[in-house]
Amino acid sequence: MTRLRHIPSNVMAGFQKQNISINAPQEELRVLGIDASLRSTGIGVIDYNGTSMKYIDGLVIKNKANAPLSACLFNLSSELEAYIDKHKPVHVAIEGIFYSRNARTALRLGHARGVLIETCSKAALPIYEYAPRKIKQAVTGMGTATKEQIQHMMMRVLNLEKLPQEDVGDALAIAITHIHNMSGIASLAPKPI
């Protein structure tokens, strides 16, 4: 049997005690999830009271396929700004960048994300970013889940009567991922981007 040795106090002096606290919100946390896209951005709002989640609203910001880039970006900013004013979220969660073989598609998505992040920043909202695989893992238990599996899970978790639109379902999944991450150990909670 191994005996534990006494650790001298001068050795222990070099170590600091870490306070680990659970990061459960004291008040209701309203999270805005954003699934960024130039042509079809999904946004959704969920309230979390520390024990349960409640679906508040979801919307798809659409841009016409033939609309110029500048008009699409302006529309994204204007629509999101109005949505933030209406629903007053406390945190924003957005999907991280994925890698695309098509450079033009990746660049346009980058423009859209930049405008969406800037709009949230103007509203003084903390913004958190989550990788697509982490979102799928958080809401379905599988990092390779399909869009349909995510939609069905959103319907179950949020007690929705019907499947949300695909882009709204993705936005809600992003918000739920943030809620899961914020309600864990505070020292492991994500930092705003």
C-alpha atoms as a PDB file:
ATOM      1  CA  MET A   1       0.000   0.000   0.000  1.00  0.00           C
ATOM      2  CA  THR A   2       1.323   3.420  -0.965  1.00  0.00           C
ATOM      3  CA  ARG A   3       1.527   5.972   1.792  1.00  0.00           C
ATOM      4  CA  LEU A   4       0.810   9.605   1.101  1.00  0.00           C
ATOM      5  CA  ARG A   5       3.602  11.914   2.065  1.00  0.00           C
ATOM      6  CA  HIS A   6       3.068  15.221   3.768  1.00  0.00           C
ATOM      7  CA  ILE A   7       3.788  18.076   1.370  1.00  0.00           C
ATOM      8  CA  PRO A   8       5.790  20.831   3.079  1.00  0.00           C
ATOM      9  CA  SER A   9       4.086  24.216   3.317  1.00  0.00           C
ATOM     10  CA  ASN A  10       6.910  25.955   1.433  1.00  0.00           C
ATOM     11  CA  VAL A  11       6.196  23.698  -1.578  1.00  0.00           C
ATOM     12  CA  MET A  12       2.456  24.324  -1.347  1.00  0.00           C
ATOM     13  CA  ALA A  13       3.019  28.093  -1.208  1.00  0.00           C
ATOM     14  CA  GLY A  14       3.813  28.034  -4.924  1.00  0.00           C
ATOM     15  CA  PHE A  15       0.345  26.766  -5.759  1.00  0.00           C
ATOM     16  CA  GLN A  16      -2.744  28.919  -5.721  1.00  0.00           C
ATOM     17  CA  LYS A  17      -6.167  27.656  -4.857  1.00  0.00           C
ATOM     18  CA  GLN A  18      -8.531  27.734  -7.792  1.00  0.00           C
ATOM     19  CA  ASN A  19     -12.117  28.637  -7.196  1.00  0.00           C
ATOM     20  CA  ILE A  20     -14.293  26.625  -9.519  1.00  0.00           C
ATOM     21  CA  SER A  21     -17.837  27.839  -9.749  1.00  0.00           C
ATOM     22  CA  ILE A  22     -20.787  26.767 -11.776  1.00  0.00           C
ATOM     23  CA  ASN A  23     -21.698  29.450 -14.259  1.00  0.00           C
ATOM     24  CA  ALA A  24     -25.477  29.135 -13.896  1.00  0.00           C
ATOM     25  CA  PRO A  25     -27.286  32.353 -14.723  1.00  0.00           C
ATOM     26  CA  GLN A  26     -29.098  34.006 -11.834  1.00  0.00           C
ATOM     27  CA  GLU A  27     -31.514  35.721 -14.177  1.00  0.00           C
ATOM     28  CA  GLU A  28     -32.932  34.645 -17.475  1.00  0.00           C
ATOM     29  CA  LEU A  29     -30.339  34.437 -20.218  1.00  0.00           C
ATOM     30  CA  ARG A  30     -31.603  35.353 -23.688  1.00  0.00           C
ATOM     31  CA  VAL A  31     -29.374  33.990 -26.438  1.00  0.00           C
ATOM     32  CA  LEU A  32     -29.482  34.932 -30.103  1.00  0.00           C
ATOM     33  CA  GLY A  33     -28.149  32.183 -32.368  1.00  0.00           C
ATOM     34  CA  ILE A  34     -26.958  33.071 -35.871  1.00  0.00           C
ATOM     35  CA  ASP A  35     -26.410  30.693 -38.791  1.00  0.00           C
ATOM     36  CA  ALA A  36     -24.601  33.040 -41.169  1.00  0.00           C
ATOM     37  CA  SER A  37     -25.105  33.002 -44.925  1.00  0.00           C
ATOM     38  CA  LEU A  38     -25.161  35.679 -47.586  1.00  0.00           C
ATOM     39  CA  ARG A  39     -28.456  34.555 -49.142  1.00  0.00           C
ATOM     40  CA  SER A  40     -30.270  32.856 -46.238  1.00  0.00           C
ATOM     41  CA  THR A  41     -29.179  33.704 -42.681  1.00  0.00           C
ATOM     42  CA  GLY A  42     -31.025  31.893 -39.912  1.00  0.00           C
ATOM     43  CA  ILE A  43     -31.507  33.620 -36.567  1.00  0.00           C
ATOM     44  CA  GLY A  44     -33.287  32.393 -33.464  1.00  0.00           C
ATOM     45  CA  VAL A  45     -33.789  33.406 -29.847  1.00  0.00           C
ATOM     46  CA  ILE A  46     -33.955  31.115 -26.817  1.00  0.00           C
ATOM     47  CA  ASP A  47     -34.463  32.013 -23.163  1.00  0.00           C
ATOM     48  CA  TYR A  48     -32.726  29.969 -20.462  1.00  0.00           C
ATOM     49  CA  ASN A  49     -33.626  30.313 -16.777  1.00  0.00           C
ATOM     50  CA  GLY A  50     -30.981  28.000 -15.329  1.00  0.00           C
ATOM     51  CA  THR A  51     -33.093  24.854 -15.629  1.00  0.00           C
ATOM     52  CA  SER A  52     -35.081  25.016 -18.851  1.00  0.00           C
ATOM     53  CA  MET A  53     -34.991  26.533 -22.318  1.00  0.00           C
ATOM     54  CA  LYS A  54     -37.839  28.313 -24.067  1.00  0.00           C
ATOM     55  CA  TYR A  55     -38.108  29.079 -27.776  1.00  0.00           C
ATOM     56  CA  ILE A  56     -38.903  32.771 -28.347  1.00  0.00           C
ATOM     57  CA  ASP A  57     -38.627  33.404 -32.083  1.00  0.00           C
ATOM     58  CA  GLY A  58     -36.872  32.465 -35.303  1.00  0.00           C
ATOM     59  CA  LEU A  59     -36.439  34.146 -38.667  1.00  0.00           C
ATOM     60  CA  VAL A  60     -34.612  33.695 -41.963  1.00  0.00           C
ATOM     61  CA  ILE A  61     -33.097  36.828 -43.483  1.00  0.00           C
ATOM     62  CA  LYS A  62     -33.346  36.273 -47.235  1.00  0.00           C
ATOM     63  CA  ASN A  63     -31.444  37.971 -50.029  1.00  0.00           C
ATOM     64  CA  LYS A  64     -32.256  37.490 -53.706  1.00  0.00           C
ATOM     65  CA  ALA A  65     -29.784  35.439 -55.732  1.00  0.00           C
ATOM     66  CA  ASN A  66     -29.225  38.298 -58.182  1.00  0.00           C
ATOM     67  CA  ALA A  67     -28.888  41.055 -55.546  1.00  0.00           C
ATOM     68  CA  PRO A  68     -25.497  42.813 -55.449  1.00  0.00           C
ATOM     69  CA  LEU A  69     -23.178  41.956 -52.562  1.00  0.00           C
ATOM     70  CA  SER A  70     -23.438  45.446 -51.036  1.00  0.00           C
ATOM     71  CA  ALA A  71     -27.257  45.285 -51.002  1.00  0.00           C
ATOM     72  CA  CYS A  72     -27.180  41.837 -49.376  1.00  0.00           C
ATOM     73  CA  LEU A  73     -24.799  43.000 -46.649  1.00  0.00           C
ATOM     74  CA  PHE A  74     -26.880  46.113 -45.971  1.00  0.00           C
ATOM     75  CA  ASN A  75     -30.035  43.979 -45.701  1.00  0.00           C
ATOM     76  CA  LEU A  76     -28.349  41.552 -43.274  1.00  0.00           C
ATOM     77  CA  SER A  77     -27.249  44.427 -41.062  1.00  0.00           C
ATOM     78  CA  SER A  78     -30.612  46.230 -41.131  1.00  0.00           C
ATOM     79  CA  GLU A  79     -32.695  43.111 -40.469  1.00  0.00           C
ATOM     80  CA  LEU A  80     -30.433  41.888 -37.659  1.00  0.00           C
ATOM     81  CA  GLU A  81     -30.359  45.319 -36.033  1.00  0.00           C
ATOM     82  CA  ALA A  82     -34.182  45.435 -35.988  1.00  0.00           C
ATOM     83  CA  TYR A  83     -34.319  41.873 -34.620  1.00  0.00           C
ATOM     84  CA  ILE A  84     -31.890  42.738 -31.808  1.00  0.00           C
ATOM     85  CA  ASP A  85     -33.925  45.847 -30.940  1.00  0.00           C
ATOM     86  CA  LYS A  86     -37.109  43.764 -30.820  1.00  0.00           C
ATOM     87  CA  HIS A  87     -35.863  40.746 -28.816  1.00  0.00           C
ATOM     88  CA  LYS A  88     -33.081  42.280 -26.683  1.00  0.00           C
ATOM     89  CA  PRO A  89     -30.710  39.289 -26.440  1.00  0.00           C
ATOM     90  CA  VAL A  90     -27.979  39.235 -23.795  1.00  0.00           C
ATOM     91  CA  HIS A  91     -25.524  36.976 -25.662  1.00  0.00           C
ATOM     92  CA  VAL A  92     -24.955  36.113 -29.309  1.00  0.00           C
ATOM     93  CA  ALA A  93     -23.686  32.754 -30.564  1.00  0.00           C
ATOM     94  CA  ILE A  94     -22.540  32.320 -34.156  1.00  0.00           C
ATOM     95  CA  GLU A  95     -21.267  29.354 -36.107  1.00  0.00           C
ATOM     96  CA  GLY A  96     -17.535  29.365 -36.750  1.00  0.00           C
ATOM     97  CA  ILE A  97     -16.042  29.377 -40.205  1.00  0.00           C
ATOM     98  CA  PHE A  98     -16.024  26.120 -42.112  1.00  0.00           C
ATOM     99  CA  TYR A  99     -13.611  25.346 -44.900  1.00  0.00           C
ATOM    100  CA  SER A 100     -14.936  25.505 -48.442  1.00  0.00           C
ATOM    101  CA  ARG A 101     -13.264  24.359 -51.623  1.00  0.00           C
ATOM    102  CA  ASN A 102     -14.854  27.290 -53.389  1.00  0.00           C
ATOM    103  CA  ALA A 103     -12.875  30.414 -52.485  1.00  0.00           C
ATOM    104  CA  ARG A 104     -15.624  32.744 -53.725  1.00  0.00           C
ATOM    105  CA  THR A 105     -18.226  31.076 -51.478  1.00  0.00           C
ATOM    106  CA  ALA A 106     -15.900  31.263 -48.470  1.00  0.00           C
ATOM    107  CA  LEU A 107     -15.167  34.934 -49.149  1.00  0.00           C
ATOM    108  CA  ARG A 108     -18.868  35.831 -49.423  1.00  0.00           C
ATOM    109  CA  LEU A 109     -19.613  33.950 -46.204  1.00  0.00           C
ATOM    110  CA  GLY A 110     -16.769  35.868 -44.568  1.00  0.00           C
ATOM    111  CA  HIS A 111     -18.328  39.161 -45.678  1.00  0.00           C
ATOM    112  CA  ALA A 112     -21.716  38.113 -44.267  1.00  0.00           C
ATOM    113  CA  ARG A 113     -20.218  36.968 -40.943  1.00  0.00           C
ATOM    114  CA  GLY A 114     -18.246  40.203 -40.662  1.00  0.00           C
ATOM    115  CA  VAL A 115     -21.358  42.339 -41.105  1.00  0.00           C
ATOM    116  CA  LEU A 116     -23.374  40.203 -38.663  1.00  0.00           C
ATOM    117  CA  ILE A 117     -20.613  40.326 -36.034  1.00  0.00           C
ATOM    118  CA  GLU A 118     -20.194  44.082 -36.514  1.00  0.00           C
ATOM    119  CA  THR A 119     -23.955  44.629 -36.115  1.00  0.00           C
ATOM    120  CA  CYS A 120     -23.949  42.677 -32.840  1.00  0.00           C
ATOM    121  CA  SER A 121     -20.847  44.560 -31.682  1.00  0.00           C
ATOM    122  CA  LYS A 122     -22.581  47.901 -32.299  1.00  0.00           C
ATOM    123  CA  ALA A 123     -25.328  46.684 -29.949  1.00  0.00           C
ATOM    124  CA  ALA A 124     -22.608  45.983 -27.320  1.00  0.00           C
ATOM    125  CA  LEU A 125     -23.438  42.261 -27.230  1.00  0.00           C
ATOM    126  CA  PRO A 126     -20.825  39.639 -26.346  1.00  0.00           C
ATOM    127  CA  ILE A 127     -20.387  37.266 -29.293  1.00  0.00           C
ATOM    128  CA  TYR A 128     -19.349  33.625 -28.955  1.00  0.00           C
ATOM    129  CA  GLU A 129     -18.246  31.372 -31.793  1.00  0.00           C
ATOM    130  CA  TYR A 130     -18.710  27.592 -32.049  1.00  0.00           C
ATOM    131  CA  ALA A 131     -17.332  25.114 -34.567  1.00  0.00           C
ATOM    132  CA  PRO A 132     -19.937  23.294 -36.689  1.00  0.00           C
ATOM    133  CA  ARG A 133     -18.860  19.908 -35.316  1.00  0.00           C
ATOM    134  CA  LYS A 134     -19.170  21.129 -31.712  1.00  0.00           C
ATOM    135  CA  ILE A 135     -22.708  22.390 -32.406  1.00  0.00           C
ATOM    136  CA  LYS A 136     -23.786  19.051 -33.859  1.00  0.00           C
ATOM    137  CA  GLN A 137     -22.191  17.213 -30.932  1.00  0.00           C
ATOM    138  CA  ALA A 138     -23.872  19.472 -28.354  1.00  0.00           C
ATOM    139  CA  VAL A 139     -27.406  19.097 -29.702  1.00  0.00           C
ATOM    140  CA  THR A 140     -27.486  15.551 -31.109  1.00  0.00           C
ATOM    141  CA  GLY A 141     -24.579  13.783 -29.447  1.00  0.00           C
ATOM    142  CA  MET A 142     -22.959  13.197 -32.853  1.00  0.00           C
ATOM    143  CA  GLY A 143     -20.480  15.527 -34.529  1.00  0.00           C
ATOM    144  CA  THR A 144     -21.607  14.238 -37.920  1.00  0.00           C
ATOM    145  CA  ALA A 145     -25.361  14.857 -37.546  1.00  0.00           C
ATOM    146  CA  THR A 146     -27.401  15.855 -40.599  1.00  0.00           C
ATOM    147  CA  LYS A 147     -29.480  19.027 -40.917  1.00  0.00           C
ATOM    148  CA  GLU A 148     -32.638  16.899 -40.575  1.00  0.00           C
ATOM    149  CA  GLN A 149     -31.394  15.365 -37.311  1.00  0.00           C
ATOM    150  CA  ILE A 150     -30.673  18.842 -35.960  1.00  0.00           C
ATOM    151  CA  GLN A 151     -34.164  20.069 -36.919  1.00  0.00           C
ATOM    152  CA  HIS A 152     -35.821  17.082 -35.220  1.00  0.00           C
ATOM    153  CA  MET A 153     -33.741  17.609 -32.091  1.00  0.00           C
ATOM    154  CA  MET A 154     -34.692  21.306 -31.957  1.00  0.00           C
ATOM    155  CA  MET A 155     -38.345  20.307 -32.216  1.00  0.00           C
ATOM    156  CA  ARG A 156     -37.954  17.877 -29.286  1.00  0.00           C
ATOM    157  CA  VAL A 157     -35.741  19.989 -27.031  1.00  0.00           C
ATOM    158  CA  LEU A 158     -37.778  23.187 -27.465  1.00  0.00           C
ATOM    159  CA  ASN A 159     -41.224  21.499 -27.590  1.00  0.00           C
ATOM    160  CA  LEU A 160     -42.008  22.941 -31.015  1.00  0.00           C
ATOM    161  CA  GLU A 161     -45.199  21.854 -32.758  1.00  0.00           C
ATOM    162  CA  LYS A 162     -43.511  21.613 -36.160  1.00  0.00           C
ATOM    163  CA  LEU A 163     -40.027  21.415 -37.593  1.00  0.00           C
ATOM    164  CA  PRO A 164     -38.282  24.781 -37.742  1.00  0.00           C
ATOM    165  CA  GLN A 165     -36.999  26.036 -41.078  1.00  0.00           C
ATOM    166  CA  GLU A 166     -33.585  24.541 -41.740  1.00  0.00           C
ATOM    167  CA  ASP A 167     -31.661  27.802 -41.213  1.00  0.00           C
ATOM    168  CA  VAL A 168     -33.680  28.667 -38.094  1.00  0.00           C
ATOM    169  CA  GLY A 169     -33.085  25.155 -36.727  1.00  0.00           C
ATOM    170  CA  ASP A 170     -29.350  25.642 -37.188  1.00  0.00           C
ATOM    171  CA  ALA A 171     -29.479  29.042 -35.439  1.00  0.00           C
ATOM    172  CA  LEU A 172     -31.382  27.526 -32.501  1.00  0.00           C
ATOM    173  CA  ALA A 173     -28.821  24.711 -32.295  1.00  0.00           C
ATOM    174  CA  ILE A 174     -26.055  27.316 -32.094  1.00  0.00           C
ATOM    175  CA  ALA A 175     -27.908  29.120 -29.266  1.00  0.00           C
ATOM    176  CA  ILE A 176     -28.402  25.835 -27.380  1.00  0.00           C
ATOM    177  CA  THR A 177     -24.706  25.005 -27.768  1.00  0.00           C
ATOM    178  CA  HIS A 178     -23.899  28.334 -26.144  1.00  0.00           C
ATOM    179  CA  ILE A 179     -26.333  27.696 -23.284  1.00  0.00           C
ATOM    180  CA  HIS A 180     -24.731  24.281 -22.661  1.00  0.00           C
ATOM    181  CA  ASN A 181     -21.276  25.854 -22.648  1.00  0.00           C
ATOM    182  CA  MET A 182     -22.243  28.760 -20.374  1.00  0.00           C
ATOM    183  CA  SER A 183     -23.940  26.555 -17.792  1.00  0.00           C
ATOM    184  CA  GLY A 184     -20.852  24.422 -17.149  1.00  0.00           C
ATOM    185  CA  ILE A 185     -17.806  25.129 -15.011  1.00  0.00           C
ATOM    186  CA  ALA A 186     -17.037  28.850 -15.166  1.00  0.00           C
ATOM    187  CA  SER A 187     -13.320  28.369 -15.762  1.00  0.00           C
ATOM    188  CA  LEU A 188     -14.140  26.371 -18.914  1.00  0.00           C
ATOM    189  CA  ALA A 189     -16.774  28.783 -20.238  1.00  0.00           C
ATOM    190  CA  PRO A 190     -16.039  30.248 -23.666  1.00  0.00           C
ATOM    191  CA  LYS A 191     -14.636  33.732 -24.067  1.00  0.00           C
ATOM    192  CA  PRO A 192     -16.283  36.278 -26.379  1.00  0.00           C
ATOM    193  CA  ILE A 193     -14.655  36.819 -29.761  1.00  0.00           C
END
